[in-house]
Amino acid sequence: MRVAMVSEHASPLATLGGVDAGGQNVHVAALATALAKRGTDVTVYTRRDDPSLPSRVSMAPRLVVEHVDAGPAEPIPKDDIYPYVGQLANGLRRAWATRRPDVVHAHFWMSGLASLAATQPAASTRTASTRRRQPAGGAQRHRRRDPGHAPSSGHRARDRRRPVT
């Protein structure tokens, strides 16, 4: 099976600790590596953020990272990538024309948009779309105050019981 993982701003090859390099980079790398260890051919597609990056990098057996040209080949804050989603979709479409994946898994909503757009002309590619609500700034601040906090299914119910001031 061939899995395409699309992660527009979180390359599994990124040096951790940069402005937009952290948890999602680690998650993408761990998930891709785990799938590859189980015998799945995985290609992680991420936006090229340095002109010297090779087109394809072998990260592990059965695991390749492919850099897609979308916008300038320089670091861009993830909140400023949206104007380049169409270019990312075109790059994915070109890549998938020769190496069509069996499954496309997108990380973050902009990767999802690019993935859906890239699959439109390829009628035989099955696309499943799932969406996870990204935490709003307030939720992220709450977790920073309490690193052990993981919102549960009752999290919203607790919030609704609080008086509005």
C-alpha atoms as a PDB file:
ATOM      1  CA  MET A   1       0.000   0.000   0.000  1.00  0.00           C
ATOM      2  CA  ARG A   2       1.174   3.534  -0.797  1.00  0.00           C
ATOM      3  CA  VAL A   3       0.302   6.293   1.648  1.00  0.00           C
ATOM      4  CA  ALA A   4       0.779   9.983   0.884  1.00  0.00           C
ATOM      5  CA  MET A   5       1.058  12.107   4.008  1.00  0.00           C
ATOM      6  CA  VAL A   6       0.701  15.824   3.303  1.00  0.00           C
ATOM      7  CA  SER A   7       2.126  18.231   5.847  1.00  0.00           C
ATOM      8  CA  GLU A   8       2.491  21.669   4.321  1.00  0.00           C
ATOM      9  CA  HIS A   9       4.419  23.297   7.157  1.00  0.00           C
ATOM     10  CA  ALA A  10       5.679  20.482   9.383  1.00  0.00           C
ATOM     11  CA  SER A  11       8.471  18.567   7.716  1.00  0.00           C
ATOM     12  CA  PRO A  12       9.580  15.448   9.567  1.00  0.00           C
ATOM     13  CA  LEU A  13      13.135  16.461   8.611  1.00  0.00           C
ATOM     14  CA  ALA A  14      12.960  19.896  10.285  1.00  0.00           C
ATOM     15  CA  THR A  15      15.333  20.825  13.063  1.00  0.00           C
ATOM     16  CA  LEU A  16      13.169  21.028  16.168  1.00  0.00           C
ATOM     17  CA  GLY A  17      12.961  24.212  18.153  1.00  0.00           C
ATOM     18  CA  GLY A  18      12.458  26.642  15.263  1.00  0.00           C
ATOM     19  CA  VAL A  19       9.522  29.025  15.043  1.00  0.00           C
ATOM     20  CA  ASP A  20       7.163  26.488  13.449  1.00  0.00           C
ATOM     21  CA  ALA A  21       9.080  23.275  14.209  1.00  0.00           C
ATOM     22  CA  GLY A  22       7.825  21.262  17.130  1.00  0.00           C
ATOM     23  CA  GLY A  23       5.078  18.839  18.023  1.00  0.00           C
ATOM     24  CA  GLN A  24       3.510  18.391  14.612  1.00  0.00           C
ATOM     25  CA  ASN A  25       6.903  17.697  13.027  1.00  0.00           C
ATOM     26  CA  VAL A  26       7.510  14.997  15.642  1.00  0.00           C
ATOM     27  CA  HIS A  27       4.025  13.550  15.133  1.00  0.00           C
ATOM     28  CA  VAL A  28       4.379  13.396  11.338  1.00  0.00           C
ATOM     29  CA  ALA A  29       7.802  11.733  11.626  1.00  0.00           C
ATOM     30  CA  ALA A  30       6.599   9.195  14.203  1.00  0.00           C
ATOM     31  CA  LEU A  31       3.442   8.269  12.307  1.00  0.00           C
ATOM     32  CA  ALA A  32       5.243   7.963   8.966  1.00  0.00           C
ATOM     33  CA  THR A  33       8.017   5.872  10.522  1.00  0.00           C
ATOM     34  CA  ALA A  34       5.542   3.566  12.259  1.00  0.00           C
ATOM     35  CA  LEU A  35       3.619   2.973   9.028  1.00  0.00           C
ATOM     36  CA  ALA A  36       6.838   2.291   7.110  1.00  0.00           C
ATOM     37  CA  LYS A  37       7.998  -0.206   9.764  1.00  0.00           C
ATOM     38  CA  ARG A  38       4.729  -2.078   9.229  1.00  0.00           C
ATOM     39  CA  GLY A  39       5.440  -2.468   5.519  1.00  0.00           C
ATOM     40  CA  THR A  40       3.619   0.552   4.095  1.00  0.00           C
ATOM     41  CA  ASP A  41       5.317   2.710   1.462  1.00  0.00           C
ATOM     42  CA  VAL A  42       5.027   6.257   2.811  1.00  0.00           C
ATOM     43  CA  THR A  43       5.806   9.544   1.091  1.00  0.00           C
ATOM     44  CA  VAL A  44       5.531  12.700   3.187  1.00  0.00           C
ATOM     45  CA  TYR A  45       4.893  15.760   1.003  1.00  0.00           C
ATOM     46  CA  THR A  46       5.922  19.054   2.537  1.00  0.00           C
ATOM     47  CA  ARG A  47       6.527  22.567   1.234  1.00  0.00           C
ATOM     48  CA  ARG A  48      10.098  23.303   0.155  1.00  0.00           C
ATOM     49  CA  ASP A  49      11.410  25.981   2.531  1.00  0.00           C
ATOM     50  CA  ASP A  50      15.038  26.031   1.355  1.00  0.00           C
ATOM     51  CA  PRO A  51      16.220  26.094  -2.278  1.00  0.00           C
ATOM     52  CA  SER A  52      19.099  23.723  -1.478  1.00  0.00           C
ATOM     53  CA  LEU A  53      16.797  20.896  -0.344  1.00  0.00           C
ATOM     54  CA  PRO A  54      16.769  17.878  -2.653  1.00  0.00           C
ATOM     55  CA  SER A  55      13.459  16.942  -4.262  1.00  0.00           C
ATOM     56  CA  ARG A  56      13.325  13.609  -2.431  1.00  0.00           C
ATOM     57  CA  VAL A  57      15.017  12.468   0.770  1.00  0.00           C
ATOM     58  CA  SER A  58      15.010   8.879   1.990  1.00  0.00           C
ATOM     59  CA  MET A  59      14.264   9.071   5.704  1.00  0.00           C
ATOM     60  CA  ALA A  60      14.067   5.331   6.425  1.00  0.00           C
ATOM     61  CA  PRO A  61      13.319   2.135   4.521  1.00  0.00           C
ATOM     62  CA  ARG A  62       9.955   2.603   2.760  1.00  0.00           C
ATOM     63  CA  LEU A  63       9.795   6.262   3.899  1.00  0.00           C
ATOM     64  CA  VAL A  64      10.563   9.231   1.637  1.00  0.00           C
ATOM     65  CA  VAL A  65      10.080  12.970   2.157  1.00  0.00           C
ATOM     66  CA  GLU A  66       9.279  14.891  -1.016  1.00  0.00           C
ATOM     67  CA  HIS A  67       9.691  18.667  -1.098  1.00  0.00           C
ATOM     68  CA  VAL A  68       7.008  20.420  -3.134  1.00  0.00           C
ATOM     69  CA  ASP A  69       7.560  23.865  -4.650  1.00  0.00           C
ATOM     70  CA  ALA A  70       4.803  26.122  -3.317  1.00  0.00           C
ATOM     71  CA  GLY A  71       5.633  29.748  -2.779  1.00  0.00           C
ATOM     72  CA  PRO A  72       9.133  31.025  -2.145  1.00  0.00           C
ATOM     73  CA  ALA A  73      11.693  28.393  -1.087  1.00  0.00           C
ATOM     74  CA  GLU A  74      12.238  29.993   2.291  1.00  0.00           C
ATOM     75  CA  PRO A  75      10.736  29.639   5.759  1.00  0.00           C
ATOM     76  CA  ILE A  76       7.248  31.121   5.944  1.00  0.00           C
ATOM     77  CA  PRO A  77       5.184  31.221   9.149  1.00  0.00           C
ATOM     78  CA  LYS A  78       2.452  28.588   8.888  1.00  0.00           C
ATOM     79  CA  ASP A  79      -0.222  31.280   9.169  1.00  0.00           C
ATOM     80  CA  ASP A  80       1.098  32.857   5.936  1.00  0.00           C
ATOM     81  CA  ILE A  81       1.102  29.710   3.773  1.00  0.00           C
ATOM     82  CA  TYR A  82      -2.548  29.860   2.655  1.00  0.00           C
ATOM     83  CA  PRO A  83      -1.869  31.870  -0.552  1.00  0.00           C
ATOM     84  CA  TYR A  84       0.332  28.986  -1.749  1.00  0.00           C
ATOM     85  CA  VAL A  85      -2.159  26.141  -1.159  1.00  0.00           C
ATOM     86  CA  GLY A  86      -3.040  26.085  -4.885  1.00  0.00           C
ATOM     87  CA  GLN A  87       0.629  25.712  -5.830  1.00  0.00           C
ATOM     88  CA  LEU A  88       0.958  22.915  -3.290  1.00  0.00           C
ATOM     89  CA  ALA A  89      -2.078  21.187  -4.818  1.00  0.00           C
ATOM     90  CA  ASN A  90      -0.552  21.468  -8.294  1.00  0.00           C
ATOM     91  CA  GLY A  91       2.707  19.950  -7.048  1.00  0.00           C
ATOM     92  CA  LEU A  92       0.832  17.085  -5.407  1.00  0.00           C
ATOM     93  CA  ARG A  93      -1.202  16.511  -8.567  1.00  0.00           C
ATOM     94  CA  ARG A  94       2.006  16.270 -10.641  1.00  0.00           C
ATOM     95  CA  ALA A  95       3.615  13.864  -8.177  1.00  0.00           C
ATOM     96  CA  TRP A  96       0.525  11.684  -7.949  1.00  0.00           C
ATOM     97  CA  ALA A  97       0.176  11.489 -11.739  1.00  0.00           C
ATOM     98  CA  THR A  98       3.191   9.151 -11.769  1.00  0.00           C
ATOM     99  CA  ARG A  99       3.029   7.687  -8.239  1.00  0.00           C
ATOM    100  CA  ARG A 100      -0.644   7.613  -7.305  1.00  0.00           C
ATOM    101  CA  PRO A 101      -1.182   6.848  -3.598  1.00  0.00           C
ATOM    102  CA  ASP A 102      -3.763   4.420  -2.277  1.00  0.00           C
ATOM    103  CA  VAL A 103      -4.457   6.668   0.711  1.00  0.00           C
ATOM    104  CA  VAL A 104      -3.943  10.398   1.241  1.00  0.00           C
ATOM    105  CA  HIS A 105      -3.601  11.562   4.846  1.00  0.00           C
ATOM    106  CA  ALA A 106      -3.401  15.325   5.413  1.00  0.00           C
ATOM    107  CA  HIS A 107      -2.103  17.088   8.521  1.00  0.00           C
ATOM    108  CA  PHE A 108      -3.572  20.527   9.284  1.00  0.00           C
ATOM    109  CA  TRP A 109      -6.418  22.107   7.347  1.00  0.00           C
ATOM    110  CA  MET A 110      -4.332  23.695   4.581  1.00  0.00           C
ATOM    111  CA  SER A 111      -2.820  20.305   3.764  1.00  0.00           C
ATOM    112  CA  GLY A 112      -6.365  18.961   3.583  1.00  0.00           C
ATOM    113  CA  LEU A 113      -7.427  21.649   1.117  1.00  0.00           C
ATOM    114  CA  ALA A 114      -4.393  21.031  -1.090  1.00  0.00           C
ATOM    115  CA  SER A 115      -4.923  17.247  -0.947  1.00  0.00           C
ATOM    116  CA  LEU A 116      -8.576  17.483  -1.904  1.00  0.00           C
ATOM    117  CA  ALA A 117      -7.798  19.855  -4.765  1.00  0.00           C
ATOM    118  CA  ALA A 118      -4.993  17.582  -5.984  1.00  0.00           C
ATOM    119  CA  THR A 119      -7.257  14.524  -6.111  1.00  0.00           C
ATOM    120  CA  GLN A 120     -10.118  16.123  -8.055  1.00  0.00           C
ATOM    121  CA  PRO A 121      -8.969  15.174 -11.591  1.00  0.00           C
ATOM    122  CA  ALA A 122      -7.868  11.675 -10.508  1.00  0.00           C
ATOM    123  CA  ALA A 123     -11.236   9.925 -10.431  1.00  0.00           C
ATOM    124  CA  SER A 124      -9.762   6.580  -9.393  1.00  0.00           C
ATOM    125  CA  THR A 125      -8.065   7.930  -6.239  1.00  0.00           C
ATOM    126  CA  ARG A 126     -10.280   7.428  -3.224  1.00  0.00           C
ATOM    127  CA  THR A 127     -10.192  10.316  -0.820  1.00  0.00           C
ATOM    128  CA  ALA A 128     -11.411  10.129   2.728  1.00  0.00           C
ATOM    129  CA  SER A 129     -11.671  13.450   4.465  1.00  0.00           C
ATOM    130  CA  THR A 130     -11.518  13.871   8.209  1.00  0.00           C
ATOM    131  CA  ARG A 131     -11.181  17.060  10.156  1.00  0.00           C
ATOM    132  CA  ARG A 132      -9.892  17.615  13.647  1.00  0.00           C
ATOM    133  CA  ARG A 133     -10.708  20.967  15.155  1.00  0.00           C
ATOM    134  CA  GLN A 134      -7.480  22.837  15.778  1.00  0.00           C
ATOM    135  CA  PRO A 135      -7.446  24.387  19.236  1.00  0.00           C
ATOM    136  CA  ALA A 136      -8.112  28.087  19.383  1.00  0.00           C
ATOM    137  CA  GLY A 137      -5.527  30.335  20.948  1.00  0.00           C
ATOM    138  CA  GLY A 138      -7.335  30.249  24.282  1.00  0.00           C
ATOM    139  CA  ALA A 139      -7.205  26.457  24.441  1.00  0.00           C
ATOM    140  CA  GLN A 140      -3.513  26.497  23.587  1.00  0.00           C
ATOM    141  CA  ARG A 141      -2.835  29.062  26.323  1.00  0.00           C
ATOM    142  CA  HIS A 142      -4.797  26.921  28.791  1.00  0.00           C
ATOM    143  CA  ARG A 143      -2.666  23.878  27.962  1.00  0.00           C
ATOM    144  CA  ARG A 144       0.540  25.898  28.336  1.00  0.00           C
ATOM    145  CA  ARG A 145      -0.493  26.787  31.899  1.00  0.00           C
ATOM    146  CA  ASP A 146      -1.245  23.121  32.622  1.00  0.00           C
ATOM    147  CA  PRO A 147       0.967  20.898  30.399  1.00  0.00           C
ATOM    148  CA  GLY A 148      -0.687  17.742  31.727  1.00  0.00           C
ATOM    149  CA  HIS A 149      -4.135  18.931  30.650  1.00  0.00           C
ATOM    150  CA  ALA A 150      -5.746  17.050  27.800  1.00  0.00           C
ATOM    151  CA  PRO A 151      -9.263  18.234  26.914  1.00  0.00           C
ATOM    152  CA  SER A 152     -11.791  15.475  27.372  1.00  0.00           C
ATOM    153  CA  SER A 153     -15.134  15.019  25.687  1.00  0.00           C
ATOM    154  CA  GLY A 154     -16.677  16.934  28.590  1.00  0.00           C
ATOM    155  CA  HIS A 155     -14.343  19.894  28.118  1.00  0.00           C
ATOM    156  CA  ARG A 156     -16.917  22.010  26.282  1.00  0.00           C
ATOM    157  CA  ALA A 157     -19.649  21.154  28.753  1.00  0.00           C
ATOM    158  CA  ARG A 158     -17.481  22.474  31.595  1.00  0.00           C
ATOM    159  CA  ASP A 159     -16.867  25.669  29.627  1.00  0.00           C
ATOM    160  CA  ARG A 160     -20.608  26.221  29.065  1.00  0.00           C
ATOM    161  CA  ARG A 161     -21.328  26.003  32.786  1.00  0.00           C
ATOM    162  CA  ARG A 162     -19.013  28.917  33.514  1.00  0.00           C
ATOM    163  CA  PRO A 163     -20.766  32.266  33.864  1.00  0.00           C
ATOM    164  CA  VAL A 164     -20.201  34.712  31.068  1.00  0.00           C
ATOM    165  CA  THR A 165     -18.785  38.005  32.309  1.00  0.00           C
END
